[in-house]
PDB file of N, CA and C in Angstrom:
ATOM      1  N   MET A   1      80.126   2.984-111.197  1.00  0.00           N
ATOM      2  CA  MET A   1      79.402   3.297-112.315  1.00  0.00           C
ATOM      3  C   MET A   1      79.593   4.803-112.694  1.00  0.00           C
ATOM      4  N   ALA A   2      79.780   5.066-113.946  1.00  0.00           N
ATOM      5  CA  ALA A   2      79.970   6.439-114.404  1.00  0.00           C
ATOM      6  C   ALA A   2      78.535   7.025-114.697  1.00  0.00           C
ATOM      7  N   THR A   3      78.591   8.425-114.606  1.00  0.00           N
ATOM      8  CA  THR A   3      77.304   9.149-114.851  1.00  0.00           C
ATOM      9  C   THR A   3      77.461   9.967-116.045  1.00  0.00           C
ATOM     10  N   MET A   4      76.540  10.069-116.897  1.00  0.00           N
ATOM     11  CA  MET A   4      76.384  10.921-118.208  1.00  0.00           C
ATOM     12  C   MET A   4      75.206  11.603-118.268  1.00  0.00           C
ATOM     13  N   ASN A   5      75.220  12.912-118.302  1.00  0.00           N
ATOM     14  CA  ASN A   5      73.996  13.724-118.563  1.00  0.00           C
ATOM     15  C   ASN A   5      73.901  14.002-120.076  1.00  0.00           C
ATOM     16  N   ILE A   6      72.557  13.861-120.451  1.00  0.00           N
ATOM     17  CA  ILE A   6      72.175  14.107-121.912  1.00  0.00           C
ATOM     18  C   ILE A   6      70.986  15.002-121.921  1.00  0.00           C
ATOM     19  N   SER A   7      70.862  15.833-122.903  1.00  0.00           N
ATOM     20  CA  SER A   7      69.825  16.793-123.172  1.00  0.00           C
ATOM     21  C   SER A   7      68.922  16.197-124.336  1.00  0.00           C
ATOM     22  N   LEU A   8      67.595  16.212-123.981  1.00  0.00           N
ATOM     23  CA  LEU A   8      66.701  15.668-124.975  1.00  0.00           C
ATOM     24  C   LEU A   8      65.558  16.663-125.104  1.00  0.00           C
ATOM     25  N   PRO A   9      64.967  16.612-126.352  1.00  0.00           N
ATOM     26  CA  PRO A   9      63.787  17.449-126.643  1.00  0.00           C
ATOM     27  C   PRO A   9      62.742  16.946-125.725  1.00  0.00           C
ATOM     28  N   ASP A  10      61.769  17.744-125.341  1.00  0.00           N
ATOM     29  CA  ASP A  10      60.608  17.442-124.528  1.00  0.00           C
ATOM     30  C   ASP A  10      59.834  16.150-125.003  1.00  0.00           C
ATOM     31  N   ASP A  11      59.700  15.989-126.463  1.00  0.00           N
ATOM     32  CA  ASP A  11      58.916  14.816-126.929  1.00  0.00           C
ATOM     33  C   ASP A  11      59.744  13.502-126.656  1.00  0.00           C
ATOM     34  N   LEU A  12      61.017  13.471-126.733  1.00  0.00           N
ATOM     35  CA  LEU A  12      61.804  12.361-126.435  1.00  0.00           C
ATOM     36  C   LEU A  12      61.800  11.982-124.876  1.00  0.00           C
ATOM     37  N   LYS A  13      61.778  13.043-123.995  1.00  0.00           N
ATOM     38  CA  LYS A  13      61.811  12.810-122.703  1.00  0.00           C
ATOM     39  C   LYS A  13      60.372  12.291-122.297  1.00  0.00           C
ATOM     40  N   ASP A  14      59.301  12.704-122.932  1.00  0.00           N
ATOM     41  CA  ASP A  14      58.047  12.248-122.559  1.00  0.00           C
ATOM     42  C   ASP A  14      57.853  10.809-122.996  1.00  0.00           C
ATOM     43  N   PHE A  15      58.477  10.503-124.184  1.00  0.00           N
ATOM     44  CA  PHE A  15      58.430   9.123-124.736  1.00  0.00           C
ATOM     45  C   PHE A  15      59.144   8.167-123.798  1.00  0.00           C
ATOM     46  N   ILE A  16      60.457   8.570-123.300  1.00  0.00           N
ATOM     47  CA  ILE A  16      61.178   7.791-122.394  1.00  0.00           C
ATOM     48  C   ILE A  16      60.301   7.621-121.065  1.00  0.00           C
ATOM     49  N   GLU A  17      59.870   8.627-120.585  1.00  0.00           N
ATOM     50  CA  GLU A  17      59.016   8.444-119.395  1.00  0.00           C
ATOM     51  C   GLU A  17      57.899   7.523-119.524  1.00  0.00           C
ATOM     52  N   ALA A  18      57.093   7.549-120.669  1.00  0.00           N
ATOM     53  CA  ALA A  18      56.094   6.626-120.940  1.00  0.00           C
ATOM     54  C   ALA A  18      56.627   5.247-121.122  1.00  0.00           C
ATOM     55  N   GLN A  19      57.720   4.975-121.597  1.00  0.00           N
ATOM     56  CA  GLN A  19      58.259   3.617-121.713  1.00  0.00           C
ATOM     57  C   GLN A  19      58.504   3.130-120.378  1.00  0.00           C
ATOM     58  N   VAL A  20      59.107   3.983-119.513  1.00  0.00           N
ATOM     59  CA  VAL A  20      59.429   3.551-118.176  1.00  0.00           C
ATOM     60  C   VAL A  20      58.317   3.110-117.415  1.00  0.00           C
ATOM     61  N   ALA A  21      57.125   3.916-117.546  1.00  0.00           N
ATOM     62  CA  ALA A  21      55.877   3.539-116.765  1.00  0.00           C
ATOM     63  C   ALA A  21      55.214   2.319-117.498  1.00  0.00           C
ATOM     64  N   ASN A  22      55.184   2.315-118.826  1.00  0.00           N
ATOM     65  CA  ASN A  22      54.385   1.192-119.415  1.00  0.00           C
ATOM     66  C   ASN A  22      55.151  -0.161-119.337  1.00  0.00           C
ATOM     67  N   HIS A  23      56.420  -0.161-119.096  1.00  0.00           N
ATOM     68  CA  HIS A  23      57.179  -1.490-119.163  1.00  0.00           C
ATOM     69  C   HIS A  23      57.986  -1.732-117.947  1.00  0.00           C
ATOM     70  N   HIS A  24      57.563  -0.963-116.820  1.00  0.00           N
ATOM     71  CA  HIS A  24      57.993  -1.344-115.533  1.00  0.00           C
ATOM     72  C   HIS A  24      59.502  -1.288-115.337  1.00  0.00           C
ATOM     73  N   TYR A  25      60.188  -0.346-116.020  1.00  0.00           N
ATOM     74  CA  TYR A  25      61.531  -0.037-115.704  1.00  0.00           C
ATOM     75  C   TYR A  25      61.674   0.713-114.399  1.00  0.00           C
ATOM     76  N   THR A  26      62.719   0.556-113.646  1.00  0.00           N
ATOM     77  CA  THR A  26      62.837   1.245-112.390  1.00  0.00           C
ATOM     78  C   THR A  26      63.182   2.763-112.579  1.00  0.00           C
ATOM     79  N   GLY A  27      63.605   3.156-113.797  1.00  0.00           N
ATOM     80  CA  GLY A  27      63.866   4.556-114.066  1.00  0.00           C
ATOM     81  C   GLY A  27      64.323   4.711-115.465  1.00  0.00           C
ATOM     82  N   SER A  28      64.637   5.878-115.998  1.00  0.00           N
ATOM     83  CA  SER A  28      64.980   6.237-117.238  1.00  0.00           C
ATOM     84  C   SER A  28      66.435   5.652-117.572  1.00  0.00           C
ATOM     85  N   SER A  29      67.214   5.604-116.507  1.00  0.00           N
ATOM     86  CA  SER A  29      68.644   5.057-116.700  1.00  0.00           C
ATOM     87  C   SER A  29      68.549   3.572-117.093  1.00  0.00           C
ATOM     88  N   GLU A  30      67.669   2.853-116.384  1.00  0.00           N
ATOM     89  CA  GLU A  30      67.373   1.414-116.684  1.00  0.00           C
ATOM     90  C   GLU A  30      67.064   1.205-118.162  1.00  0.00           C
ATOM     91  N   TYR A  31      66.004   2.037-118.546  1.00  0.00           N
ATOM     92  CA  TYR A  31      65.567   1.899-119.855  1.00  0.00           C
ATOM     93  C   TYR A  31      66.641   2.292-120.864  1.00  0.00           C
ATOM     94  N   LEU A  32      67.394   3.234-120.785  1.00  0.00           N
ATOM     95  CA  LEU A  32      68.416   3.668-121.650  1.00  0.00           C
ATOM     96  C   LEU A  32      69.486   2.581-121.661  1.00  0.00           C
ATOM     97  N   ARG A  33      69.898   2.015-120.526  1.00  0.00           N
ATOM     98  CA  ARG A  33      70.958   0.981-120.404  1.00  0.00           C
ATOM     99  C   ARG A  33      70.450  -0.271-121.346  1.00  0.00           C
ATOM    100  N   GLU A  34      69.154  -0.564-121.182  1.00  0.00           N
ATOM    101  CA  GLU A  34      68.642  -1.680-121.895  1.00  0.00           C
ATOM    102  C   GLU A  34      68.716  -1.389-123.505  1.00  0.00           C
ATOM    103  N   LEU A  35      68.393  -0.217-123.937  1.00  0.00           N
ATOM    104  CA  LEU A  35      68.566   0.175-125.269  1.00  0.00           C
ATOM    105  C   LEU A  35      69.933   0.129-125.707  1.00  0.00           C
ATOM    106  N   ILE A  36      70.900   0.520-124.926  1.00  0.00           N
ATOM    107  CA  ILE A  36      72.306   0.415-125.291  1.00  0.00           C
ATOM    108  C   ILE A  36      72.784  -0.929-125.474  1.00  0.00           C
ATOM    109  N   ARG A  37      72.315  -1.865-124.519  1.00  0.00           N
ATOM    110  CA  ARG A  37      72.660  -3.243-124.619  1.00  0.00           C
ATOM    111  C   ARG A  37      72.226  -3.949-125.866  1.00  0.00           C
ATOM    112  N   ARG A  38      71.000  -3.451-126.186  1.00  0.00           N
ATOM    113  CA  ARG A  38      70.364  -4.181-127.376  1.00  0.00           C
ATOM    114  C   ARG A  38      71.179  -3.731-128.648  1.00  0.00           C
ATOM    115  N   ASP A  39      71.483  -2.412-128.611  1.00  0.00           N
ATOM    116  CA  ASP A  39      72.294  -1.898-129.754  1.00  0.00           C
ATOM    117  C   ASP A  39      73.617  -2.581-129.878  1.00  0.00           C
ATOM    118  N   GLN A  40      74.217  -2.868-128.657  1.00  0.00           N
ATOM    119  CA  GLN A  40      75.499  -3.529-128.602  1.00  0.00           C
ATOM    120  C   GLN A  40      75.417  -4.863-129.205  1.00  0.00           C
ATOM    121  N   ALA A  41      74.420  -5.620-128.838  1.00  0.00           N
ATOM    122  CA  ALA A  41      74.185  -7.012-129.300  1.00  0.00           C
ATOM    123  C   ALA A  41      74.034  -7.001-130.837  1.00  0.00           C
ATOM    124  N   ARG A  42      73.099  -5.974-131.294  1.00  0.00           N
ATOM    125  CA  ARG A  42      72.859  -5.790-132.771  1.00  0.00           C
ATOM    126  C   ARG A  42      74.150  -5.575-133.466  1.00  0.00           C
ATOM    127  N   THR A  43      75.080  -4.723-132.914  1.00  0.00           N
ATOM    128  CA  THR A  43      76.125  -4.470-133.570  1.00  0.00           C
ATOM    129  C   THR A  43      77.157  -5.686-133.635  1.00  0.00           C
ATOM    130  N   GLN A  44      77.169  -6.362-132.556  1.00  0.00           N
ATOM    131  CA  GLN A  44      78.022  -7.717-132.572  1.00  0.00           C
ATOM    132  C   GLN A  44      77.463  -8.649-133.538  1.00  0.00           C
ATOM    133  N   LEU A  45      76.237  -8.854-133.567  1.00  0.00           N
ATOM    134  CA  LEU A  45      75.536  -9.710-134.625  1.00  0.00           C
ATOM    135  C   LEU A  45      75.882  -9.322-135.870  1.00  0.00           C
ATOM    136  N   ARG A  46      75.785  -8.008-136.268  1.00  0.00           N
ATOM    137  CA  ARG A  46      75.992  -7.590-137.626  1.00  0.00           C
ATOM    138  C   ARG A  46      77.414  -7.892-137.954  1.00  0.00           C
ATOM    139  N   ALA A  47      78.439  -7.703-137.132  1.00  0.00           N
ATOM    140  CA  ALA A  47      79.839  -7.979-137.460  1.00  0.00           C
ATOM    141  C   ALA A  47      80.060  -9.459-137.589  1.00  0.00           C
ATOM    142  N   ILE A  48      79.387 -10.387-136.893  1.00  0.00           N
ATOM    143  CA  ILE A  48      79.577 -11.738-137.045  1.00  0.00           C
ATOM    144  C   ILE A  48      78.888 -12.130-138.355  1.00  0.00           C
ATOM    145  N   LEU A  49      77.793 -11.555-138.750  1.00  0.00           N
ATOM    146  CA  LEU A  49      77.110 -11.860-140.123  1.00  0.00           C
ATOM    147  C   LEU A  49      78.024 -11.345-141.127  1.00  0.00           C
ATOM    148  N   LEU A  50      78.584 -10.163-141.227  1.00  0.00           N
ATOM    149  CA  LEU A  50      79.525  -9.661-142.152  1.00  0.00           C
ATOM    150  C   LEU A  50      80.750 -10.512-142.206  1.00  0.00           C
ATOM    151  N   GLU A  51      81.293 -10.953-141.134  1.00  0.00           N
ATOM    152  CA  GLU A  51      82.528 -11.875-141.158  1.00  0.00           C
ATOM    153  C   GLU A  51      82.058 -13.240-141.904  1.00  0.00           C
ATOM    154  N   GLY A  52      80.915 -13.698-141.572  1.00  0.00           N
ATOM    155  CA  GLY A  52      80.534 -14.867-142.206  1.00  0.00           C
ATOM    156  C   GLY A  52      80.335 -14.792-143.702  1.00  0.00           C
ATOM    157  N   ALA A  53      79.696 -13.660-144.034  1.00  0.00           N
ATOM    158  CA  ALA A  53      79.517 -13.354-145.498  1.00  0.00           C
ATOM    159  C   ALA A  53      80.765 -13.127-146.251  1.00  0.00           C
ATOM    160  N   ALA A  54      81.822 -12.664-145.623  1.00  0.00           N
ATOM    161  CA  ALA A  54      83.031 -12.493-146.273  1.00  0.00           C
ATOM    162  C   ALA A  54      83.876 -13.670-146.261  1.00  0.00           C
ATOM    163  N   SER A  55      83.515 -14.710-145.518  1.00  0.00           N
ATOM    164  CA  SER A  55      84.443 -15.964-145.402  1.00  0.00           C
ATOM    165  C   SER A  55      84.069 -16.843-146.816  1.00  0.00           C
ATOM    166  N   PRO A  56      85.104 -17.637-147.012  1.00  0.00           N
ATOM    167  CA  PRO A  56      84.873 -18.533-148.239  1.00  0.00           C
ATOM    168  C   PRO A  56      83.605 -19.398-147.920  1.00  0.00           C
ATOM    169  N   THR A  57      82.981 -19.775-149.078  1.00  0.00           N
ATOM    170  CA  THR A  57      81.912 -20.751-148.968  1.00  0.00           C
ATOM    171  C   THR A  57      82.289 -22.052-148.671  1.00  0.00           C
ATOM    172  N   GLY A  58      81.452 -22.752-147.882  1.00  0.00           N
ATOM    173  CA  GLY A  58      81.653 -24.161-147.451  1.00  0.00           C
ATOM    174  C   GLY A  58      81.216 -25.046-148.522  1.00  0.00           C
ATOM    175  N   SER A  59      81.145 -26.282-148.152  1.00  0.00           N
ATOM    176  CA  SER A  59      80.613 -27.235-148.998  1.00  0.00           C
ATOM    177  C   SER A  59      79.150 -27.175-149.202  1.00  0.00           C
ATOM    178  N   ASP A  60      78.620 -27.699-150.224  1.00  0.00           N
ATOM    179  CA  ASP A  60      77.150 -27.578-150.499  1.00  0.00           C
ATOM    180  C   ASP A  60      76.420 -28.474-149.499  1.00  0.00           C
ATOM    181  N   ILE A  61      75.317 -28.014-149.081  1.00  0.00           N
ATOM    182  CA  ILE A  61      74.359 -28.899-148.124  1.00  0.00           C
ATOM    183  C   ILE A  61      73.662 -29.900-148.886  1.00  0.00           C
ATOM    184  N   THR A  62      73.838 -31.111-148.420  1.00  0.00           N
ATOM    185  CA  THR A  62      73.298 -32.318-149.030  1.00  0.00           C
ATOM    186  C   THR A  62      71.954 -32.622-148.386  1.00  0.00           C
ATOM    187  N   ASP A  63      71.109 -33.362-149.005  1.00  0.00           N
ATOM    188  CA  ASP A  63      69.862 -33.752-148.331  1.00  0.00           C
ATOM    189  C   ASP A  63      70.174 -34.557-147.035  1.00  0.00           C
ATOM    190  N   THR A  64      71.324 -35.387-147.046  1.00  0.00           N
ATOM    191  CA  THR A  64      71.743 -36.128-145.747  1.00  0.00           C
ATOM    192  C   THR A  64      72.054 -35.205-144.670  1.00  0.00           C
ATOM    193  N   TYR A  65      72.865 -34.193-145.047  1.00  0.00           N
ATOM    194  CA  TYR A  65      73.232 -33.145-144.055  1.00  0.00           C
ATOM    195  C   TYR A  65      72.022 -32.424-143.476  1.00  0.00           C
ATOM    196  N   ALA A  66      71.126 -31.973-144.433  1.00  0.00           N
ATOM    197  CA  ALA A  66      70.091 -31.253-144.032  1.00  0.00           C
ATOM    198  C   ALA A  66      69.017 -32.120-143.061  1.00  0.00           C
ATOM    199  N   ASN A  67      68.805 -33.306-143.500  1.00  0.00           N
ATOM    200  CA  ASN A  67      68.116 -34.204-142.732  1.00  0.00           C
ATOM    201  C   ASN A  67      68.668 -34.569-141.226  1.00  0.00           C
ATOM    202  N   HIS A  68      69.924 -34.657-141.227  1.00  0.00           N
ATOM    203  CA  HIS A  68      70.682 -34.799-139.908  1.00  0.00           C
ATOM    204  C   HIS A  68      70.467 -33.588-139.032  1.00  0.00           C
ATOM    205  N   LEU A  69      70.623 -32.380-139.637  1.00  0.00           N
ATOM    206  CA  LEU A  69      70.370 -31.179-138.928  1.00  0.00           C
ATOM    207  C   LEU A  69      69.052 -31.037-138.440  1.00  0.00           C
ATOM    208  N   GLN A  70      68.041 -31.421-139.126  1.00  0.00           N
ATOM    209  CA  GLN A  70      66.614 -31.324-138.821  1.00  0.00           C
ATOM    210  C   GLN A  70      66.428 -32.224-137.607  1.00  0.00           C
ATOM    211  N   GLU A  71      67.007 -33.370-137.649  1.00  0.00           N
ATOM    212  CA  GLU A  71      66.812 -34.452-136.580  1.00  0.00           C
ATOM    213  C   GLU A  71      67.469 -33.860-135.227  1.00  0.00           C
ATOM    214  N   ARG A  72      68.607 -33.260-135.432  1.00  0.00           N
ATOM    215  CA  ARG A  72      69.271 -32.620-134.225  1.00  0.00           C
ATOM    216  C   ARG A  72      68.504 -31.503-133.572  1.00  0.00           C
ATOM    217  N   ILE A  73      67.825 -30.756-134.431  1.00  0.00           N
ATOM    218  CA  ILE A  73      66.878 -29.701-133.872  1.00  0.00           C
ATOM    219  C   ILE A  73      65.677 -30.366-133.159  1.00  0.00           C
ATOM    220  N   ARG A  74      65.174 -31.262-133.792  1.00  0.00           N
ATOM    221  CA  ARG A  74      64.017 -32.035-133.137  1.00  0.00           C
ATOM    222  C   ARG A  74      64.434 -32.532-131.766  1.00  0.00           C
ATOM    223  N   GLU A  75      65.471 -33.169-131.679  1.00  0.00           N
ATOM    224  CA  GLU A  75      65.954 -33.679-130.473  1.00  0.00           C
ATOM    225  C   GLU A  75      66.283 -32.581-129.370  1.00  0.00           C
ATOM    226  N   ARG A  76      66.735 -31.586-129.698  1.00  0.00           N
ATOM    227  CA  ARG A  76      66.952 -30.467-128.689  1.00  0.00           C
ATOM    228  C   ARG A  76      65.527 -29.844-128.274  1.00  0.00           C
ATOM    229  N   LEU A  77      64.620 -29.706-129.318  1.00  0.00           N
ATOM    230  CA  LEU A  77      63.457 -29.214-128.759  1.00  0.00           C
ATOM    231  C   LEU A  77      62.653 -30.231-127.986  1.00  0.00           C
ATOM    232  N   ALA A  78      62.705 -31.502-128.203  1.00  0.00           N
ATOM    233  CA  ALA A  78      62.110 -32.498-127.438  1.00  0.00           C
ATOM    234  C   ALA A  78      62.703 -32.544-126.020  1.00  0.00           C
ATOM    235  N   ARG A  79      63.951 -32.245-125.875  1.00  0.00           N
ATOM    236  CA  ARG A  79      64.557 -32.110-124.474  1.00  0.00           C
ATOM    237  C   ARG A  79      64.003 -31.019-123.773  1.00  0.00           C
ATOM    238  N   ARG A  80      63.649 -29.893-124.439  1.00  0.00           N
ATOM    239  CA  ARG A  80      63.288 -28.664-123.742  1.00  0.00           C
ATOM    240  C   ARG A  80      61.786 -28.859-123.261  1.00  0.00           C
ATOM    241  N   ALA A  81      60.973 -29.668-123.854  1.00  0.00           N
ATOM    242  CA  ALA A  81      59.555 -29.905-123.622  1.00  0.00           C
ATOM    243  C   ALA A  81      59.531 -30.725-122.287  1.00  0.00           C
TER     244      ALA A  81
END
Protein backbone atom coordinates (compact mmCIF):
# COMPACT_ATOMS: atom_id res chain seq x y z
CA MET A 1 0.00 0.00 0.00
CA ALA A 2 1.32 3.42 -0.91
CA THR A 3 1.54 6.33 1.49
CA MET A 4 0.45 9.88 0.70
CA ASN A 5 0.90 12.88 2.93
CA ILE A 6 -1.54 15.77 2.70
CA SER A 7 -1.72 19.19 4.32
CA LEU A 8 -5.02 20.32 5.78
CA PRO A 9 -6.20 23.48 7.48
CA ASP A 10 -6.88 22.98 11.18
CA ASP A 11 -10.67 23.09 10.74
CA LEU A 12 -10.60 20.21 8.23
CA LYS A 13 -8.26 18.19 10.42
CA ASP A 14 -10.62 18.73 13.37
CA PHE A 15 -13.59 17.69 11.24
CA ILE A 16 -11.87 14.47 10.15
CA GLU A 17 -10.91 13.64 13.72
CA ALA A 18 -14.52 14.17 14.82
CA GLN A 19 -15.80 11.93 12.02
CA VAL A 20 -13.35 9.21 13.01
CA ALA A 21 -14.44 9.40 16.64
CA ASN A 22 -18.18 9.63 15.95
CA HIS A 23 -18.37 6.91 13.30
CA HIS A 24 -15.94 4.40 14.77
CA TYR A 25 -13.34 4.48 12.02
CA THR A 26 -9.99 3.05 13.07
CA GLY A 27 -8.24 6.22 11.95
CA SER A 28 -8.19 9.11 9.53
CA SER A 29 -6.77 6.91 6.76
CA GLU A 30 -9.76 4.59 6.92
CA TYR A 31 -12.15 7.55 6.85
CA LEU A 32 -10.43 9.11 3.84
CA ARG A 33 -10.28 5.77 1.98
CA GLU A 34 -14.06 5.43 2.49
CA LEU A 35 -14.63 8.93 1.09
CA ILE A 36 -12.48 8.14 -1.94
CA ARG A 37 -14.31 4.84 -2.55
CA ARG A 38 -17.66 6.67 -2.41
CA ASP A 39 -16.38 9.27 -4.86
CA GLN A 40 -15.17 6.52 -7.20
CA ALA A 41 -18.59 4.85 -7.07
CA ARG A 42 -20.32 8.19 -7.70
CA THR A 43 -18.05 8.88 -10.66
CA GLN A 44 -18.72 5.42 -12.12
CA LEU A 45 -22.47 5.83 -11.65
CA ARG A 46 -22.37 9.24 -13.33
CA ALA A 47 -20.53 7.76 -16.32
CA ILE A 48 -23.09 4.97 -16.61
CA LEU A 49 -25.98 7.43 -16.42
CA LEU A 50 -24.43 9.71 -19.03
CA GLU A 51 -23.82 6.73 -21.30
CA GLY A 52 -27.43 5.69 -20.90
CA ALA A 53 -28.68 9.21 -21.57
CA ALA A 54 -26.61 9.37 -24.75
CA SER A 55 -27.84 6.01 -26.04
CA PRO A 56 -30.72 5.76 -28.46
CA THR A 57 -34.15 5.54 -26.91
CA GLY A 58 -35.70 2.13 -26.60
CA SER A 59 -39.27 1.16 -27.16
CA ASP A 60 -42.08 2.76 -25.23
CA ILE A 61 -43.04 1.21 -21.91
CA THR A 62 -46.46 -0.35 -22.21
CA ASP A 63 -48.83 -1.10 -19.35
CA THR A 64 -48.14 -4.81 -19.84
CA TYR A 65 -44.39 -4.30 -19.54
CA ALA A 66 -44.78 -2.05 -16.47
CA ASN A 67 -47.08 -4.56 -14.77
CA HIS A 68 -44.65 -7.40 -15.49
CA LEU A 69 -41.79 -5.36 -14.07
CA GLN A 70 -43.75 -4.55 -10.91
CA GLU A 71 -44.55 -8.24 -10.44
CA ARG A 72 -40.86 -9.18 -10.76
CA ILE A 73 -39.97 -6.57 -8.15
CA ARG A 74 -42.63 -7.89 -5.78
CA GLU A 75 -41.35 -11.45 -6.22
CA ARG A 76 -37.77 -10.43 -5.42
CA LEU A 77 -38.87 -8.49 -2.36
CA ALA A 78 -40.93 -11.44 -1.17
CA ARG A 79 -37.91 -13.75 -1.48
CA ARG A 80 -35.85 -11.36 0.70
CA ALA A 81 -38.44 -11.37 3.50
